[in-house]
Amino acid sequence: MNTFLNYLGIAVLFALVLLPALLGVVRERRIDRELREAERDRSTRPPRTADAARPVRAARRPYVRSWARI
């Protein structure tokens, strides 16, 4: 019985050490799958219009003197 508990304890410690690594591998595979699906979806989508390709320009704020520059 003592040998069984020793093996069980080692197995539990081994699982606790490997669990974060295994969760990381599963997460990486999920992210890779989502990126592949997004790339495949992007290649099959029709091209955008010319208006959508125009960059958005931010309005320039007028220069206001700071109290530190007086």
PDB file of N, CA and C in Angstrom:
ATOM      1  N   MET A   1       0.822  -1.198   0.000  1.00  0.00           N
ATOM      2  CA  MET A   1       0.000   0.000   0.000  1.00  0.00           C
ATOM      3  C   MET A   1       0.862   1.255   0.000  1.00  0.00           C
ATOM      4  N   ASN A   2       1.976   1.197   0.725  1.00  0.00           N
ATOM      5  CA  ASN A   2       2.862   2.342   0.812  1.00  0.00           C
ATOM      6  C   ASN A   2       3.490   2.650  -0.552  1.00  0.00           C
ATOM      7  N   THR A   3       3.846   1.613  -1.302  1.00  0.00           N
ATOM      8  CA  THR A   3       4.426   1.799  -2.633  1.00  0.00           C
ATOM      9  C   THR A   3       3.414   2.445  -3.571  1.00  0.00           C
ATOM     10  N   PHE A   4       2.156   2.007  -3.467  1.00  0.00           N
ATOM     11  CA  PHE A   4       1.104   2.586  -4.307  1.00  0.00           C
ATOM     12  C   PHE A   4       0.941   4.076  -4.020  1.00  0.00           C
ATOM     13  N   LEU A   5       0.961   4.464  -2.746  1.00  0.00           N
ATOM     14  CA  LEU A   5       0.832   5.885  -2.389  1.00  0.00           C
ATOM     15  C   LEU A   5       2.034   6.689  -2.863  1.00  0.00           C
ATOM     16  N   ASN A   6       3.209   6.090  -2.826  1.00  0.00           N
ATOM     17  CA  ASN A   6       4.399   6.776  -3.349  1.00  0.00           C
ATOM     18  C   ASN A   6       4.253   7.046  -4.844  1.00  0.00           C
ATOM     19  N   TYR A   7       3.836   6.028  -5.573  1.00  0.00           N
ATOM     20  CA  TYR A   7       3.638   6.213  -7.016  1.00  0.00           C
ATOM     21  C   TYR A   7       2.538   7.227  -7.308  1.00  0.00           C
ATOM     22  N   LEU A   8       1.484   7.168  -6.518  1.00  0.00           N
ATOM     23  CA  LEU A   8       0.392   8.111  -6.697  1.00  0.00           C
ATOM     24  C   LEU A   8       0.852   9.544  -6.418  1.00  0.00           C
ATOM     25  N   GLY A   9       1.639   9.731  -5.399  1.00  0.00           N
ATOM     26  CA  GLY A   9       2.169  11.063  -5.084  1.00  0.00           C
ATOM     27  C   GLY A   9       3.066  11.600  -6.190  1.00  0.00           C
ATOM     28  N   ILE A  10       3.915  10.745  -6.720  1.00  0.00           N
ATOM     29  CA  ILE A  10       4.790  11.151  -7.824  1.00  0.00           C
ATOM     30  C   ILE A  10       3.956  11.500  -9.058  1.00  0.00           C
ATOM     31  N   ALA A  11       2.925  10.723  -9.334  1.00  0.00           N
ATOM     32  CA  ALA A  11       2.063  10.996 -10.494  1.00  0.00           C
ATOM     33  C   ALA A  11       1.344  12.330 -10.336  1.00  0.00           C
ATOM     34  N   VAL A  12       0.887  12.632  -9.124  1.00  0.00           N
ATOM     35  CA  VAL A  12       0.204  13.909  -8.884  1.00  0.00           C
ATOM     36  C   VAL A  12       1.168  15.073  -9.064  1.00  0.00           C
ATOM     37  N   LEU A  13       2.374  14.961  -8.514  1.00  0.00           N
ATOM     38  CA  LEU A  13       3.370  16.024  -8.684  1.00  0.00           C
ATOM     39  C   LEU A  13       3.736  16.198 -10.154  1.00  0.00           C
ATOM     40  N   PHE A  14       3.881  15.089 -10.863  1.00  0.00           N
ATOM     41  CA  PHE A  14       4.196  15.141 -12.292  1.00  0.00           C
ATOM     42  C   PHE A  14       3.090  15.847 -13.064  1.00  0.00           C
ATOM     43  N   ALA A  15       1.836  15.546 -12.715  1.00  0.00           N
ATOM     44  CA  ALA A  15       0.698  16.190 -13.377  1.00  0.00           C
ATOM     45  C   ALA A  15       0.663  17.688 -13.069  1.00  0.00           C
ATOM     46  N   LEU A  16       0.947  18.060 -11.837  1.00  0.00           N
ATOM     47  CA  LEU A  16       0.949  19.480 -11.466  1.00  0.00           C
ATOM     48  C   LEU A  16       2.046  20.259 -12.195  1.00  0.00           C
ATOM     49  N   VAL A  17       3.167  19.613 -12.444  1.00  0.00           N
ATOM     50  CA  VAL A  17       4.255  20.283 -13.166  1.00  0.00           C
ATOM     51  C   VAL A  17       3.922  20.402 -14.645  1.00  0.00           C
ATOM     52  N   LEU A  18       3.316  19.377 -15.216  1.00  0.00           N
ATOM     53  CA  LEU A  18       3.041  19.377 -16.650  1.00  0.00           C
ATOM     54  C   LEU A  18       1.774  20.125 -17.039  1.00  0.00           C
ATOM     55  N   LEU A  19       0.863  20.356 -16.113  1.00  0.00           N
ATOM     56  CA  LEU A  19      -0.415  20.977 -16.435  1.00  0.00           C
ATOM     57  C   LEU A  19      -0.276  22.354 -17.092  1.00  0.00           C
ATOM     58  N   PRO A  20       0.540  23.270 -16.572  1.00  0.00           N
ATOM     59  CA  PRO A  20       0.663  24.571 -17.254  1.00  0.00           C
ATOM     60  C   PRO A  20       1.215  24.462 -18.676  1.00  0.00           C
ATOM     61  N   ALA A  21       2.149  23.553 -18.875  1.00  0.00           N
ATOM     62  CA  ALA A  21       2.715  23.379 -20.215  1.00  0.00           C
ATOM     63  C   ALA A  21       1.669  22.833 -21.174  1.00  0.00           C
ATOM     64  N   LEU A  22       0.895  21.872 -20.723  1.00  0.00           N
ATOM     65  CA  LEU A  22      -0.139  21.296 -21.584  1.00  0.00           C
ATOM     66  C   LEU A  22      -1.230  22.325 -21.895  1.00  0.00           C
ATOM     67  N   LEU A  23      -1.605  23.127 -20.910  1.00  0.00           N
ATOM     68  CA  LEU A  23      -2.597  24.174 -21.167  1.00  0.00           C
ATOM     69  C   LEU A  23      -2.055  25.201 -22.169  1.00  0.00           C
ATOM     70  N   GLY A  24      -0.770  25.512 -22.083  1.00  0.00           N
ATOM     71  CA  GLY A  24      -0.163  26.429 -23.034  1.00  0.00           C
ATOM     72  C   GLY A  24      -0.171  25.883 -24.451  1.00  0.00           C
ATOM     73  N   VAL A  25       0.108  24.609 -24.588  1.00  0.00           N
ATOM     74  CA  VAL A  25       0.094  23.980 -25.915  1.00  0.00           C
ATOM     75  C   VAL A  25      -1.309  24.011 -26.497  1.00  0.00           C
ATOM     76  N   VAL A  26      -2.306  23.707 -25.677  1.00  0.00           N
ATOM     77  CA  VAL A  26      -3.693  23.727 -26.149  1.00  0.00           C
ATOM     78  C   VAL A  26      -4.085  25.137 -26.573  1.00  0.00           C
ATOM     79  N   ARG A  27      -3.686  26.147 -25.794  1.00  0.00           N
ATOM     80  CA  ARG A  27      -4.008  27.540 -26.127  1.00  0.00           C
ATOM     81  C   ARG A  27      -3.338  27.964 -27.436  1.00  0.00           C
ATOM     82  N   GLU A  28      -2.068  27.601 -27.607  1.00  0.00           N
ATOM     83  CA  GLU A  28      -1.345  27.942 -28.838  1.00  0.00           C
ATOM     84  C   GLU A  28      -1.995  27.298 -30.057  1.00  0.00           C
ATOM     85  N   ARG A  29      -2.420  26.060 -29.935  1.00  0.00           N
ATOM     86  CA  ARG A  29      -3.073  25.388 -31.066  1.00  0.00           C
ATOM     87  C   ARG A  29      -4.387  26.061 -31.415  1.00  0.00           C
ATOM     88  N   ARG A  30      -5.136  26.510 -30.386  1.00  0.00           N
ATOM     89  CA  ARG A  30      -6.406  27.209 -30.635  1.00  0.00           C
ATOM     90  C   ARG A  30      -6.154  28.528 -31.351  1.00  0.00           C
ATOM     91  N   ILE A  31      -5.129  29.260 -30.908  1.00  0.00           N
ATOM     92  CA  ILE A  31      -4.808  30.537 -31.543  1.00  0.00           C
ATOM     93  C   ILE A  31      -4.369  30.314 -32.988  1.00  0.00           C
ATOM     94  N   ASP A  32      -3.540  29.301 -33.221  1.00  0.00           N
ATOM     95  CA  ASP A  32      -3.110  29.003 -34.590  1.00  0.00           C
ATOM     96  C   ASP A  32      -4.290  28.653 -35.483  1.00  0.00           C
ATOM     97  N   ARG A  33      -5.237  27.862 -34.955  1.00  0.00           N
ATOM     98  CA  ARG A  33      -6.414  27.499 -35.737  1.00  0.00           C
ATOM     99  C   ARG A  33      -7.248  28.727 -36.065  1.00  0.00           C
ATOM    100  N   GLU A  34      -7.417  29.632 -35.102  1.00  0.00           N
ATOM    101  CA  GLU A  34      -8.192  30.846 -35.360  1.00  0.00           C
ATOM    102  C   GLU A  34      -7.501  31.742 -36.386  1.00  0.00           C
ATOM    103  N   LEU A  35      -6.181  31.820 -36.328  1.00  0.00           N
ATOM    104  CA  LEU A  35      -5.453  32.627 -37.317  1.00  0.00           C
ATOM    105  C   LEU A  35      -5.573  32.027 -38.716  1.00  0.00           C
ATOM    106  N   ARG A  36      -5.495  30.704 -38.806  1.00  0.00           N
ATOM    107  CA  ARG A  36      -5.660  30.066 -40.122  1.00  0.00           C
ATOM    108  C   ARG A  36      -7.050  30.306 -40.682  1.00  0.00           C
ATOM    109  N   GLU A  37      -8.071  30.196 -39.824  1.00  0.00           N
ATOM    110  CA  GLU A  37      -9.438  30.448 -40.284  1.00  0.00           C
ATOM    111  C   GLU A  37      -9.624  31.894 -40.710  1.00  0.00           C
ATOM    112  N   ALA A  38      -9.037  32.824 -39.982  1.00  0.00           N
ATOM    113  CA  ALA A  38      -9.156  34.234 -40.337  1.00  0.00           C
ATOM    114  C   ALA A  38      -8.450  34.521 -41.656  1.00  0.00           C
ATOM    115  N   GLU A  39      -7.299  33.911 -41.858  1.00  0.00           N
ATOM    116  CA  GLU A  39      -6.569  34.110 -43.119  1.00  0.00           C
ATOM    117  C   GLU A  39      -7.352  33.517 -44.286  1.00  0.00           C
ATOM    118  N   ARG A  40      -7.938  32.353 -44.088  1.00  0.00           N
ATOM    119  CA  ARG A  40      -8.724  31.726 -45.142  1.00  0.00           C
ATOM    120  C   ARG A  40      -9.970  32.565 -45.444  1.00  0.00           C
ATOM    121  N   ASP A  41     -10.592  33.091 -44.409  1.00  0.00           N
ATOM    122  CA  ASP A  41     -11.776  33.924 -44.586  1.00  0.00           C
ATOM    123  C   ASP A  41     -11.424  35.232 -45.298  1.00  0.00           C
ATOM    124  N   ARG A  42     -10.266  35.790 -44.946  1.00  0.00           N
ATOM    125  CA  ARG A  42      -9.852  37.048 -45.569  1.00  0.00           C
ATOM    126  C   ARG A  42      -9.549  36.864 -47.054  1.00  0.00           C
ATOM    127  N   SER A  43      -9.022  35.703 -47.429  1.00  0.00           N
ATOM    128  CA  SER A  43      -8.679  35.483 -48.842  1.00  0.00           C
ATOM    129  C   SER A  43      -9.929  35.228 -49.686  1.00  0.00           C
ATOM    130  N   THR A  44     -11.019  34.757 -49.087  1.00  0.00           N
ATOM    131  CA  THR A  44     -12.229  34.488 -49.859  1.00  0.00           C
ATOM    132  C   THR A  44     -13.187  35.672 -49.877  1.00  0.00           C
ATOM    133  N   ARG A  45     -12.951  36.679 -49.048  1.00  0.00           N
ATOM    134  CA  ARG A  45     -13.835  37.841 -48.987  1.00  0.00           C
ATOM    135  C   ARG A  45     -13.608  38.741 -50.204  1.00  0.00           C
ATOM    136  N   PRO A  46     -14.646  39.400 -50.725  1.00  0.00           N
ATOM    137  CA  PRO A  46     -14.450  40.296 -51.857  1.00  0.00           C
ATOM    138  C   PRO A  46     -13.632  41.518 -51.437  1.00  0.00           C
ATOM    139  N   PRO A  47     -12.939  42.143 -52.377  1.00  0.00           N
ATOM    140  CA  PRO A  47     -12.114  43.303 -52.038  1.00  0.00           C
ATOM    141  C   PRO A  47     -12.972  44.474 -51.566  1.00  0.00           C
ATOM    142  N   ARG A  48     -12.373  45.318 -50.758  1.00  0.00           N
ATOM    143  CA  ARG A  48     -13.073  46.484 -50.239  1.00  0.00           C
ATOM    144  C   ARG A  48     -13.181  47.575 -51.299  1.00  0.00           C
ATOM    145  N   THR A  49     -14.035  48.546 -51.011  1.00  0.00           N
ATOM    146  CA  THR A  49     -14.156  49.672 -51.928  1.00  0.00           C
ATOM    147  C   THR A  49     -13.007  50.640 -51.705  1.00  0.00           C
ATOM    148  N   ALA A  50     -12.859  51.597 -52.625  1.00  0.00           N
ATOM    149  CA  ALA A  50     -11.766  52.560 -52.516  1.00  0.00           C
ATOM    150  C   ALA A  50     -11.968  53.501 -51.333  1.00  0.00           C
ATOM    151  N   ASP A  51     -13.215  53.773 -50.975  1.00  0.00           N
ATOM    152  CA  ASP A  51     -13.471  54.663 -49.842  1.00  0.00           C
ATOM    153  C   ASP A  51     -12.999  54.040 -48.535  1.00  0.00           C
ATOM    154  N   ALA A  52     -13.118  52.755 -48.411  1.00  0.00           N
ATOM    155  CA  ALA A  52     -12.727  52.102 -47.172  1.00  0.00           C
ATOM    156  C   ALA A  52     -11.218  52.050 -47.017  1.00  0.00           C
ATOM    157  N   ALA A  53     -10.469  52.177 -48.118  1.00  0.00           N
ATOM    158  CA  ALA A  53      -9.020  52.104 -48.058  1.00  0.00           C
ATOM    159  C   ALA A  53      -8.391  53.448 -47.689  1.00  0.00           C
ATOM    160  N   ARG A  54      -9.180  54.518 -47.699  1.00  0.00           N
ATOM    161  CA  ARG A  54      -8.645  55.827 -47.349  1.00  0.00           C
ATOM    162  C   ARG A  54      -8.319  55.888 -45.867  1.00  0.00           C
ATOM    163  N   PRO A  55      -7.158  56.419 -45.506  1.00  0.00           N
ATOM    164  CA  PRO A  55      -6.829  56.508 -44.081  1.00  0.00           C
ATOM    165  C   PRO A  55      -7.670  57.590 -43.393  1.00  0.00           C
ATOM    166  N   VAL A  56      -7.915  57.377 -42.140  1.00  0.00           N
ATOM    167  CA  VAL A  56      -8.665  58.347 -41.351  1.00  0.00           C
ATOM    168  C   VAL A  56      -7.689  59.385 -40.845  1.00  0.00           C
ATOM    169  N   ARG A  57      -8.021  60.656 -41.045  1.00  0.00           N
ATOM    170  CA  ARG A  57      -7.135  61.718 -40.593  1.00  0.00           C
ATOM    171  C   ARG A  57      -7.709  62.361 -39.349  1.00  0.00           C
ATOM    172  N   ALA A  58      -6.865  62.550 -38.381  1.00  0.00           N
ATOM    173  CA  ALA A  58      -7.295  63.185 -37.139  1.00  0.00           C
ATOM    174  C   ALA A  58      -7.240  64.705 -37.322  1.00  0.00           C
ATOM    175  N   ALA A  59      -8.196  65.386 -36.722  1.00  0.00           N
ATOM    176  CA  ALA A  59      -8.208  66.850 -36.797  1.00  0.00           C
ATOM    177  C   ALA A  59      -7.080  67.395 -35.935  1.00  0.00           C
ATOM    178  N   ARG A  60      -6.389  68.403 -36.453  1.00  0.00           N
ATOM    179  CA  ARG A  60      -5.284  69.003 -35.704  1.00  0.00           C
ATOM    180  C   ARG A  60      -5.839  70.016 -34.720  1.00  0.00           C
ATOM    181  N   ARG A  61      -5.350  69.940 -33.521  1.00  0.00           N
ATOM    182  CA  ARG A  61      -5.767  70.897 -32.512  1.00  0.00           C
ATOM    183  C   ARG A  61      -4.933  72.162 -32.651  1.00  0.00           C
ATOM    184  N   PRO A  62      -5.523  73.327 -32.427  1.00  0.00           N
ATOM    185  CA  PRO A  62      -4.737  74.556 -32.502  1.00  0.00           C
ATOM    186  C   PRO A  62      -3.714  74.605 -31.371  1.00  0.00           C
ATOM    187  N   TYR A  63      -2.609  75.261 -31.630  1.00  0.00           N
ATOM    188  CA  TYR A  63      -1.547  75.359 -30.640  1.00  0.00           C
ATOM    189  C   TYR A  63      -1.981  76.319 -29.535  1.00  0.00           C
ATOM    190  N   VAL A  64      -1.953  75.851 -28.324  1.00  0.00           N
ATOM    191  CA  VAL A  64      -2.299  76.677 -27.184  1.00  0.00           C
ATOM    192  C   VAL A  64      -1.074  76.765 -26.297  1.00  0.00           C
ATOM    193  N   ARG A  65      -0.714  77.988 -25.934  1.00  0.00           N
ATOM    194  CA  ARG A  65       0.477  78.144 -25.109  1.00  0.00           C
ATOM    195  C   ARG A  65       0.215  77.609 -23.726  1.00  0.00           C
ATOM    196  N   SER A  66       1.170  76.929 -23.213  1.00  0.00           N
ATOM    197  CA  SER A  66       1.064  76.357 -21.870  1.00  0.00           C
ATOM    198  C   SER A  66       1.475  77.397 -20.844  1.00  0.00           C
ATOM    199  N   TRP A  67       1.002  77.257 -19.609  1.00  0.00           N
ATOM    200  CA  TRP A  67       1.375  78.183 -18.555  1.00  0.00           C
ATOM    201  C   TRP A  67       2.858  78.053 -18.247  1.00  0.00           C
ATOM    202  N   ALA A  68       3.464  76.891 -18.574  1.00  0.00           N
ATOM    203  CA  ALA A  68       4.872  76.677 -18.277  1.00  0.00           C
ATOM    204  C   ALA A  68       5.764  77.439 -19.258  1.00  0.00           C
ATOM    205  N   ARG A  69       5.227  77.886 -20.384  1.00  0.00           N
ATOM    206  CA  ARG A  69       6.047  78.568 -21.385  1.00  0.00           C
ATOM    207  C   ARG A  69       5.886  80.078 -21.326  1.00  0.00           C
ATOM    208  N   ILE A  70       5.209  80.603 -20.371  1.00  0.00           N
ATOM    209  CA  ILE A  70       4.987  82.058 -20.300  1.00  0.00           C
ATOM    210  C   ILE A  70       6.239  82.741 -19.838  1.00  0.00           C
TER     211      ILE A  70
END
